């Protein structure tokens, strides 16, 4: 049985590293997953770096309206 695995990735000003992290998820052999990126009001270029990955329906990008910390 291939259970859905949810990967939750908190993000705050991660534009320098997030593409490498996303590619690490993409390179896994298990394919029944979803990636939830929760951006905590980044002020860098994170939005533009993750944009090309939106065509994959396993990705969800959520951006907090105010900086609230990773646990939110």
N, C-alpha and C. Protein backbone atom coordinates (compact mmCIF):
# COMPACT_ATOMS: atom_id res chain seq x y z
N UNK A 1 0.84 -1.18 0.00
CA UNK A 1 0.00 0.00 0.00
C UNK A 1 0.89 1.25 0.00
N UNK A 2 0.61 2.20 -0.86
CA UNK A 2 1.37 3.44 -0.95
C UNK A 2 0.62 4.57 -0.25
N UNK A 3 0.87 4.69 1.04
CA UNK A 3 0.24 5.75 1.81
C UNK A 3 0.80 7.11 1.41
N UNK A 4 -0.06 8.13 1.44
CA UNK A 4 0.38 9.49 1.16
C UNK A 4 1.24 9.99 2.31
N UNK A 5 2.40 10.52 1.98
CA UNK A 5 3.29 11.11 2.96
C UNK A 5 3.26 12.62 2.76
N UNK A 6 2.97 13.35 3.82
CA UNK A 6 2.97 14.82 3.78
C UNK A 6 4.29 15.32 4.33
N UNK A 7 4.97 16.12 3.54
CA UNK A 7 6.23 16.72 3.94
C UNK A 7 5.94 18.19 4.18
N UNK A 8 6.15 18.64 5.40
CA UNK A 8 5.88 20.03 5.75
C UNK A 8 7.22 20.75 5.90
N UNK A 9 7.41 21.77 5.08
CA UNK A 9 8.67 22.48 5.05
C UNK A 9 8.45 23.94 5.46
N UNK A 10 8.83 24.30 6.69
CA UNK A 10 8.75 25.72 7.06
C UNK A 10 9.83 26.49 6.31
N UNK A 11 9.51 27.74 5.99
CA UNK A 11 10.43 28.54 5.20
C UNK A 11 10.40 29.99 5.67
N UNK A 12 11.57 30.56 5.83
CA UNK A 12 11.69 32.00 6.09
C UNK A 12 13.01 32.47 5.49
N UNK A 13 12.91 33.28 4.47
CA UNK A 13 14.09 33.78 3.75
C UNK A 13 15.05 32.66 3.37
N UNK A 14 14.50 31.67 2.67
CA UNK A 14 15.28 30.49 2.29
C UNK A 14 15.62 30.43 0.80
N UNK A 15 15.54 31.55 0.12
CA UNK A 15 15.74 31.52 -1.33
C UNK A 15 17.08 30.91 -1.74
N UNK A 16 18.09 31.02 -0.92
CA UNK A 16 19.41 30.47 -1.27
C UNK A 16 19.45 28.95 -1.18
N UNK A 17 18.53 28.35 -0.42
CA UNK A 17 18.62 26.92 -0.14
C UNK A 17 17.39 26.10 -0.56
N UNK A 18 16.26 26.75 -0.77
CA UNK A 18 15.01 26.00 -0.91
C UNK A 18 14.96 25.17 -2.20
N UNK A 19 15.56 25.63 -3.26
CA UNK A 19 15.55 24.84 -4.50
C UNK A 19 16.29 23.52 -4.30
N UNK A 20 17.42 23.54 -3.64
CA UNK A 20 18.17 22.32 -3.36
C UNK A 20 17.35 21.38 -2.47
N UNK A 21 16.65 21.94 -1.51
CA UNK A 21 15.82 21.14 -0.62
C UNK A 21 14.66 20.50 -1.37
N UNK A 22 14.00 21.25 -2.24
CA UNK A 22 12.90 20.72 -3.04
C UNK A 22 13.42 19.62 -3.97
N UNK A 23 14.57 19.84 -4.58
CA UNK A 23 15.14 18.82 -5.47
C UNK A 23 15.47 17.54 -4.71
N UNK A 24 15.83 17.67 -3.45
CA UNK A 24 16.08 16.49 -2.62
C UNK A 24 14.79 15.67 -2.45
N UNK A 25 13.68 16.36 -2.25
CA UNK A 25 12.39 15.67 -2.14
C UNK A 25 12.06 15.00 -3.47
N UNK A 26 12.26 15.70 -4.57
CA UNK A 26 11.95 15.16 -5.89
C UNK A 26 12.80 13.93 -6.24
N UNK A 27 13.98 13.84 -5.67
CA UNK A 27 14.87 12.72 -6.02
C UNK A 27 14.59 11.45 -5.22
N UNK A 28 13.66 11.49 -4.31
CA UNK A 28 13.33 10.30 -3.53
C UNK A 28 12.66 9.24 -4.41
N UNK A 29 12.81 7.99 -4.07
CA UNK A 29 12.21 6.92 -4.85
C UNK A 29 10.72 6.75 -4.55
N UNK A 30 10.30 7.12 -3.36
CA UNK A 30 8.88 7.05 -3.00
C UNK A 30 8.18 8.22 -3.66
N UNK A 31 7.08 7.98 -4.33
CA UNK A 31 6.47 9.05 -5.13
C UNK A 31 5.10 9.52 -4.65
N UNK A 32 4.50 8.84 -3.68
CA UNK A 32 3.18 9.26 -3.21
C UNK A 32 3.34 10.21 -2.02
N UNK A 33 3.69 11.45 -2.35
CA UNK A 33 3.91 12.45 -1.32
C UNK A 33 3.32 13.79 -1.77
N UNK A 34 3.16 14.67 -0.80
CA UNK A 34 2.82 16.06 -1.08
C UNK A 34 3.79 16.91 -0.28
N UNK A 35 4.18 18.03 -0.85
CA UNK A 35 5.10 18.94 -0.18
C UNK A 35 4.35 20.22 0.13
N UNK A 36 4.25 20.53 1.41
CA UNK A 36 3.60 21.75 1.88
C UNK A 36 4.68 22.71 2.35
N UNK A 37 4.90 23.76 1.59
CA UNK A 37 5.88 24.77 1.97
C UNK A 37 5.12 25.89 2.66
N UNK A 38 5.46 26.15 3.91
CA UNK A 38 4.79 27.20 4.68
C UNK A 38 5.79 28.34 4.87
N UNK A 39 5.57 29.40 4.11
CA UNK A 39 6.47 30.55 4.12
C UNK A 39 6.00 31.54 5.20
N UNK A 40 6.91 31.90 6.08
CA UNK A 40 6.58 32.77 7.21
C UNK A 40 6.95 34.23 6.90
N UNK A 41 6.37 34.75 5.80
CA UNK A 41 6.56 36.15 5.38
C UNK A 41 7.99 36.45 4.98
N UNK A 42 8.56 35.63 4.15
CA UNK A 42 9.91 35.88 3.67
C UNK A 42 9.98 37.24 2.97
N UNK A 43 11.12 37.88 3.13
CA UNK A 43 11.34 39.17 2.47
C UNK A 43 12.39 39.05 1.37
N UNK A 44 12.81 37.83 1.08
CA UNK A 44 13.79 37.61 0.01
C UNK A 44 13.07 37.12 -1.24
N UNK A 45 13.73 36.39 -2.07
CA UNK A 45 13.21 35.96 -3.39
C UNK A 45 12.61 34.56 -3.35
N UNK A 46 12.22 34.07 -2.18
CA UNK A 46 11.71 32.71 -2.05
C UNK A 46 10.53 32.45 -2.98
N UNK A 47 9.59 33.39 -3.07
CA UNK A 47 8.42 33.21 -3.95
C UNK A 47 8.82 32.86 -5.37
N UNK A 48 9.76 33.60 -5.91
CA UNK A 48 10.20 33.38 -7.30
C UNK A 48 10.97 32.09 -7.48
N UNK A 49 11.71 31.66 -6.46
CA UNK A 49 12.48 30.43 -6.56
C UNK A 49 11.56 29.21 -6.59
N UNK A 50 10.48 29.23 -5.81
CA UNK A 50 9.59 28.07 -5.75
C UNK A 50 8.55 28.06 -6.88
N UNK A 51 8.33 29.18 -7.51
CA UNK A 51 7.30 29.31 -8.57
C UNK A 51 7.40 28.22 -9.65
N UNK A 52 8.56 27.89 -10.18
CA UNK A 52 8.63 26.87 -11.24
C UNK A 52 8.13 25.49 -10.82
N UNK A 53 8.09 25.21 -9.54
CA UNK A 53 7.66 23.90 -9.05
C UNK A 53 6.14 23.78 -8.94
N UNK A 54 5.41 24.89 -9.08
CA UNK A 54 3.96 24.88 -8.90
C UNK A 54 3.23 24.04 -9.94
N UNK A 55 3.87 23.73 -11.05
CA UNK A 55 3.21 22.92 -12.07
C UNK A 55 3.01 21.48 -11.59
N UNK A 56 3.76 21.06 -10.58
CA UNK A 56 3.60 19.73 -9.98
C UNK A 56 2.52 19.83 -8.92
N UNK A 57 1.42 19.13 -9.12
CA UNK A 57 0.27 19.25 -8.22
C UNK A 57 0.53 18.70 -6.82
N UNK A 58 1.66 18.07 -6.61
CA UNK A 58 2.01 17.59 -5.26
C UNK A 58 2.54 18.72 -4.37
N UNK A 59 2.77 19.88 -4.96
CA UNK A 59 3.30 21.02 -4.22
C UNK A 59 2.19 21.97 -3.81
N UNK A 60 2.32 22.46 -2.57
CA UNK A 60 1.43 23.53 -2.10
C UNK A 60 2.31 24.57 -1.41
N UNK A 61 2.06 25.82 -1.75
CA UNK A 61 2.84 26.91 -1.18
C UNK A 61 1.89 27.81 -0.41
N UNK A 62 2.09 27.88 0.88
CA UNK A 62 1.24 28.68 1.75
C UNK A 62 2.10 29.79 2.35
N UNK A 63 1.61 31.02 2.28
CA UNK A 63 2.39 32.14 2.80
C UNK A 63 1.60 32.81 3.92
N UNK A 64 2.19 32.85 5.11
CA UNK A 64 1.54 33.49 6.24
C UNK A 64 1.39 34.98 5.97
N UNK A 65 0.31 35.56 6.50
CA UNK A 65 0.09 36.99 6.34
C UNK A 65 0.96 37.83 7.26
N UNK A 66 1.40 37.21 8.38
CA UNK A 66 2.33 37.90 9.28
C UNK A 66 3.31 36.88 9.81
N UNK A 67 4.51 37.36 10.13
CA UNK A 67 5.55 36.49 10.64
C UNK A 67 5.11 35.93 11.98
N UNK A 68 5.03 34.60 12.07
CA UNK A 68 4.47 33.96 13.26
C UNK A 68 5.33 32.85 13.83
N UNK A 69 6.44 32.51 13.19
CA UNK A 69 7.29 31.43 13.67
C UNK A 69 6.97 30.12 12.98
N UNK A 70 7.91 29.20 13.03
CA UNK A 70 7.79 27.93 12.31
C UNK A 70 6.66 27.05 12.80
N UNK A 71 6.32 27.12 14.06
CA UNK A 71 5.30 26.22 14.61
C UNK A 71 3.89 26.53 14.14
N UNK A 72 3.66 27.75 13.70
CA UNK A 72 2.33 28.12 13.24
C UNK A 72 2.04 27.44 11.92
